[in-house]
């Protein structure tokens, strides 16, 4: 089930009617900023995890 160009156009027209032409750029700017912050936070979480994977465990043998 794919969204065609007609459905996208309909969604954009409804958004234009609901928010007005002046509000849409502000909403898009806020959405872009939110996505950017989300990706930044996600990469901050992934980096330490990858660093832990790269470290090799010490080959210590336990003596009894």
Protein backbone atom coordinates (compact mmCIF):
# COMPACT_ATOMS: atom_id res chain seq x y z
CA UNK A 1 0.00 0.00 0.00
CA UNK A 2 1.79 3.09 -1.27
CA UNK A 3 0.79 6.71 -0.93
CA UNK A 4 0.41 8.29 -4.35
CA UNK A 5 0.90 11.88 -5.36
CA UNK A 6 -2.84 12.55 -5.09
CA UNK A 7 -2.92 11.54 -1.44
CA UNK A 8 0.16 13.64 -0.65
CA UNK A 9 -1.41 16.64 -2.40
CA UNK A 10 -4.63 16.16 -0.41
CA UNK A 11 -2.70 16.00 2.88
CA UNK A 12 -0.78 19.18 1.99
CA UNK A 13 -4.00 21.02 1.10
CA UNK A 14 -5.62 20.00 4.38
CA UNK A 15 -2.52 21.13 6.29
CA UNK A 16 -2.63 24.44 4.44
CA UNK A 17 -6.27 24.93 5.39
CA UNK A 18 -5.72 23.97 9.03
CA UNK A 19 -2.55 25.91 9.76
CA UNK A 20 -2.48 28.66 7.15
CA UNK A 21 0.31 29.60 4.77
CA UNK A 22 2.28 31.57 7.38
CA UNK A 23 2.43 28.77 9.97
CA UNK A 24 3.59 25.92 7.71
CA UNK A 25 7.24 27.13 7.35
CA UNK A 26 7.47 27.50 11.13
CA UNK A 27 6.06 24.01 11.63
CA UNK A 28 8.48 22.53 9.08
CA UNK A 29 11.39 24.33 10.75
CA UNK A 30 10.40 22.96 14.15
CA UNK A 31 9.97 19.46 12.74
CA UNK A 32 13.40 19.59 11.10
CA UNK A 33 14.99 20.80 14.32
CA UNK A 34 13.32 18.00 16.27
CA UNK A 35 14.50 15.35 13.82
CA UNK A 36 18.04 16.77 13.94
CA UNK A 37 18.08 16.64 17.74
CA UNK A 38 16.73 13.09 17.71
CA UNK A 39 19.46 11.93 15.32
CA UNK A 40 22.11 13.70 17.41
CA UNK A 41 20.88 11.97 20.56
CA UNK A 42 20.74 8.64 18.79
CA UNK A 43 24.32 8.96 17.55
CA UNK A 44 25.48 9.93 21.06
CA UNK A 45 23.97 6.70 22.36
CA UNK A 46 25.36 4.55 19.53
CA UNK A 47 28.96 5.81 19.80
CA UNK A 48 29.67 4.45 23.32
CA UNK A 49 28.03 1.14 22.40
CA UNK A 50 30.25 0.77 19.33
CA UNK A 51 33.33 1.71 21.38
CA UNK A 52 32.54 -1.07 23.84
CA UNK A 53 32.20 -3.54 20.97
CA UNK A 54 35.57 -2.47 19.56
CA UNK A 55 37.38 -3.05 22.86
CA UNK A 56 38.69 -6.56 23.22
CA UNK A 57 38.20 -8.24 26.56
CA UNK A 58 41.37 -8.85 28.56
CA UNK A 59 42.68 -12.38 28.32
CA UNK A 60 43.08 -12.90 32.03
CA UNK A 61 42.99 -16.39 33.41
CA UNK A 62 41.68 -16.92 36.85
CA UNK A 63 43.92 -18.79 39.24
CA UNK A 64 42.44 -20.91 41.99
